[in-house]
C-alpha cells in the first residue's frame, strides 16, 4: 500500500487541526465559592452549564486565623438532591451527601472539592452524570455552624448526545458494525 507523503504546508495544516481539536476538547473548571455571601447561591436561579470532562470546583467558606472568635464561622454540608427537594434546603433520605465544609481556618486557604463531570467513574464515591440532565446541589448548616440561608446550585450537563437517536450507540459500536456487516452479507 503506497501512502502519499505530506508536504510541509500539509503537515502544518494537520498539526494546526490537531491543536484546534485538543484546545476545543479541553476540560473547563467551573469554580463556585460556596458561602452565604455569594448572593447567586441564595437566589433561586443560579445555574451552571458544564460539559462532560469538565470540573465543578466548590470552594468552602474560609476565614483568616485572626478572625474574631465572637463572630460565627460557616460550617456546612453539601448534598446532591432530587429536583423536588431542590425547592427548599431540607435533608432527606434520598439526598447524597457529597462534601462537608468543616475546616474554615485551613492554613492553606479554602478547602476545594472537585467533581469531575463524567459519564462513567471508576471510583466508588464518584458520581456519574448523564448528558442533557440536570443535577441539584444544596447545603445545610452542620451542627457546629450557625443557621445559614438556603444555598443551592443547578448544574446542567450539556448536551444530549446525538448518538442517542442512533440504534448503534458508541458503547456497542463494534457489535453494531459486526451486525451491519452480517446484515450486508445477508443482503447480497
Protein backbone atom coordinates (compact mmCIF):
# COMPACT_ATOMS: atom_id res chain seq x y z
CA UNK A 1 0.00 0.00 0.00
CA UNK A 2 1.50 3.29 -1.10
CA UNK A 3 0.62 6.24 1.18
CA UNK A 4 1.31 9.70 -0.29
CA UNK A 5 3.70 11.85 1.73
CA UNK A 6 2.53 15.16 3.08
CA UNK A 7 4.36 18.34 2.18
CA UNK A 8 5.46 20.91 4.80
CA UNK A 9 2.30 23.00 4.37
CA UNK A 10 0.11 19.91 4.59
CA UNK A 11 1.90 18.76 7.75
CA UNK A 12 1.45 22.21 9.32
CA UNK A 13 -2.27 22.14 8.48
CA UNK A 14 -2.63 18.72 10.14
CA UNK A 15 -0.75 19.96 13.19
CA UNK A 16 -2.96 23.06 13.35
CA UNK A 17 -6.11 20.92 13.06
CA UNK A 18 -4.86 18.68 15.88
CA UNK A 19 -4.08 21.72 18.06
CA UNK A 20 -7.55 23.20 17.47
CA UNK A 21 -9.16 19.84 18.28
CA UNK A 22 -7.20 19.49 21.54
CA UNK A 23 -7.97 23.07 22.59
CA UNK A 24 -11.68 22.68 21.85
CA UNK A 25 -11.97 19.46 23.86
CA UNK A 26 -10.02 20.64 26.89
CA UNK A 27 -11.94 20.38 30.14
CA UNK A 28 -13.04 23.59 31.82
CA UNK A 29 -13.15 24.29 35.53
CA UNK A 30 -16.30 25.93 36.90
CA UNK A 31 -15.49 27.49 40.28
CA UNK A 32 -18.22 28.20 42.84
CA UNK A 33 -17.46 29.97 46.13
CA UNK A 34 -19.94 28.23 48.42
CA UNK A 35 -20.70 30.64 51.26
CA UNK A 36 -23.58 32.84 52.36
CA UNK A 37 -22.01 36.00 50.89
CA UNK A 38 -22.41 34.54 47.39
CA UNK A 39 -25.82 36.02 46.56
CA UNK A 40 -26.09 33.90 43.42
CA UNK A 41 -26.33 30.79 45.63
CA UNK A 42 -29.01 32.26 47.89
CA UNK A 43 -31.22 33.22 44.94
CA UNK A 44 -33.34 30.64 43.15
CA UNK A 45 -31.74 30.87 39.74
CA UNK A 46 -28.02 30.02 39.97
CA UNK A 47 -27.25 27.54 37.24
CA UNK A 48 -24.00 26.34 35.70
CA UNK A 49 -23.81 24.58 32.35
CA UNK A 50 -21.00 22.05 32.07
CA UNK A 51 -19.79 19.54 29.50
CA UNK A 52 -18.61 16.01 30.06
CA UNK A 53 -14.97 16.04 31.27
CA UNK A 54 -15.40 19.48 32.89
CA UNK A 55 -14.86 20.02 36.61
CA UNK A 56 -17.12 21.66 39.16
CA UNK A 57 -14.89 23.15 41.87
CA UNK A 58 -16.59 24.04 45.15
CA UNK A 59 -14.60 26.32 47.46
CA UNK A 60 -15.70 26.16 51.09
CA UNK A 61 -16.00 29.16 53.41
CA UNK A 62 -12.60 30.29 54.68
CA UNK A 63 -11.57 32.74 57.38
CA UNK A 64 -8.21 34.25 58.36
CA UNK A 65 -6.55 32.98 61.52
CA UNK A 66 -7.20 36.32 63.26
CA UNK A 67 -10.99 36.11 62.70
CA UNK A 68 -12.78 37.32 65.86
CA UNK A 69 -14.00 34.39 67.92
CA UNK A 70 -17.23 36.24 68.70
CA UNK A 71 -18.29 36.06 65.03
CA UNK A 72 -19.70 32.70 63.93
CA UNK A 73 -18.00 30.84 61.08
CA UNK A 74 -19.88 28.93 58.43
CA UNK A 75 -19.73 25.14 58.54
CA UNK A 76 -21.95 23.28 56.13
CA UNK A 77 -22.62 20.05 54.29
CA UNK A 78 -23.35 19.93 50.57
CA UNK A 79 -25.86 17.48 49.18
CA UNK A 80 -26.82 16.24 45.75
CA UNK A 81 -30.62 16.25 45.82
CA UNK A 82 -33.58 15.50 43.60
CA UNK A 83 -35.32 18.35 41.80
CA UNK A 84 -38.30 18.16 44.15
CA UNK A 85 -36.01 18.63 47.17
CA UNK A 86 -34.19 21.49 45.46
CA UNK A 87 -37.05 23.91 46.14
CA UNK A 88 -36.03 24.17 49.80
CA UNK A 89 -32.95 23.22 51.76
CA UNK A 90 -34.04 20.16 53.70
CA UNK A 91 -32.19 16.91 54.32
CA UNK A 92 -33.97 13.81 53.11
CA UNK A 93 -33.11 10.13 52.94
CA UNK A 94 -32.65 10.37 49.17
CA UNK A 95 -30.10 13.21 49.36
CA UNK A 96 -26.50 12.21 48.72
CA UNK A 97 -24.01 13.94 50.98
CA UNK A 98 -21.16 14.98 48.70
CA UNK A 99 -18.90 17.08 50.94
CA UNK A 100 -18.63 18.72 54.31
CA UNK A 101 -17.09 22.17 54.67
CA UNK A 102 -15.82 21.96 58.24
CA UNK A 103 -12.32 23.49 58.08
CA UNK A 104 -12.95 27.24 57.90
CA UNK A 105 -9.46 28.05 59.22
CA UNK A 106 -7.48 25.73 56.94
CA UNK A 107 -3.93 27.13 56.83
CA UNK A 108 -3.55 26.67 53.06
CA UNK A 109 -6.68 28.57 52.06
CA UNK A 110 -10.24 27.49 51.30
CA UNK A 111 -10.91 23.77 51.07
CA UNK A 112 -11.68 22.82 47.46
CA UNK A 113 -13.84 19.91 46.41
CA UNK A 114 -13.79 18.93 42.75
CA UNK A 115 -16.49 17.00 40.96
CA UNK A 116 -15.45 15.64 37.57
CA UNK A 117 -18.40 15.62 35.22
CA UNK A 118 -18.16 12.23 33.54
CA UNK A 119 -20.45 9.59 32.17
CA UNK A 120 -18.65 6.72 33.91
CA UNK A 121 -16.48 6.76 37.02
CA UNK A 122 -14.06 4.13 38.30
CA UNK A 123 -14.44 5.40 41.87
CA UNK A 124 -16.98 4.02 44.32
CA UNK A 125 -17.71 7.51 45.71
CA UNK A 126 -17.75 9.15 42.29
CA UNK A 127 -20.95 10.23 40.63
CA UNK A 128 -21.96 9.55 37.04
CA UNK A 129 -23.55 12.36 35.03
CA UNK A 130 -25.79 11.96 32.00
CA UNK A 131 -25.65 14.43 29.10
CA UNK A 132 -28.80 16.52 28.83
CA UNK A 133 -29.66 16.09 32.53
CA UNK A 134 -29.91 18.50 35.46
CA UNK A 135 -28.34 17.93 38.86
CA UNK A 136 -29.11 19.86 42.03
CA UNK A 137 -26.83 20.77 44.93
CA UNK A 138 -27.97 22.35 48.17
CA UNK A 139 -26.41 22.84 51.57
CA UNK A 140 -27.37 22.69 55.21
CA UNK A 141 -25.58 24.10 58.21
CA UNK A 142 -23.75 21.49 60.26
CA UNK A 143 -24.37 21.10 63.99
CA UNK A 144 -21.27 23.23 64.73
CA UNK A 145 -22.22 26.13 62.49
CA UNK A 146 -24.70 28.98 62.71
CA UNK A 147 -28.01 28.84 60.83
CA UNK A 148 -27.38 29.68 57.17
CA UNK A 149 -29.61 30.81 54.33
CA UNK A 150 -30.65 28.23 51.78
CA UNK A 151 -27.84 27.97 49.21
CA UNK A 152 -28.35 25.94 46.07
CA UNK A 153 -26.99 25.35 42.59
CA UNK A 154 -28.39 23.69 39.48
CA UNK A 155 -25.87 22.00 37.19
CA UNK A 156 -26.87 21.22 33.62
CA UNK A 157 -24.78 18.73 31.69
CA UNK A 158 -24.71 19.66 28.04
CA UNK A 159 -25.87 18.23 25.62
CA UNK A 160 -27.96 15.21 24.87
CA UNK A 161 -25.64 13.20 22.64
CA UNK A 162 -26.66 12.78 19.03
CA UNK A 163 -25.88 9.08 19.25
CA UNK A 164 -28.94 8.56 21.50
CA UNK A 165 -31.10 8.65 18.39
CA UNK A 166 -28.79 6.16 16.66
CA UNK A 167 -29.50 2.48 17.36
CA UNK A 168 -25.73 1.92 17.21
CA UNK A 169 -24.56 3.74 20.35
CA UNK A 170 -20.86 4.33 20.80
CA UNK A 171 -20.75 1.64 23.52
CA UNK A 172 -21.94 -1.10 21.14
CA UNK A 173 -20.14 0.19 18.04
CA UNK A 174 -18.01 -2.94 17.40
CA UNK A 175 -21.06 -5.16 17.87
CA UNK A 176 -23.13 -2.88 15.66
CA UNK A 177 -20.50 -2.90 12.92
CA UNK A 178 -20.38 -6.69 13.10
CA UNK A 179 -24.18 -6.84 12.83
CA UNK A 180 -24.13 -4.37 9.93
CA UNK A 181 -21.50 -6.47 8.18
CA UNK A 182 -23.52 -9.66 8.59
CA UNK A 183 -26.69 -7.85 7.51
CA UNK A 184 -24.82 -6.57 4.43
CA UNK A 185 -23.71 -10.11 3.63
CA UNK A 186 -27.27 -11.36 4.02
CA UNK A 187 -28.49 -8.70 1.58
CA UNK A 188 -26.05 -9.85 -1.13
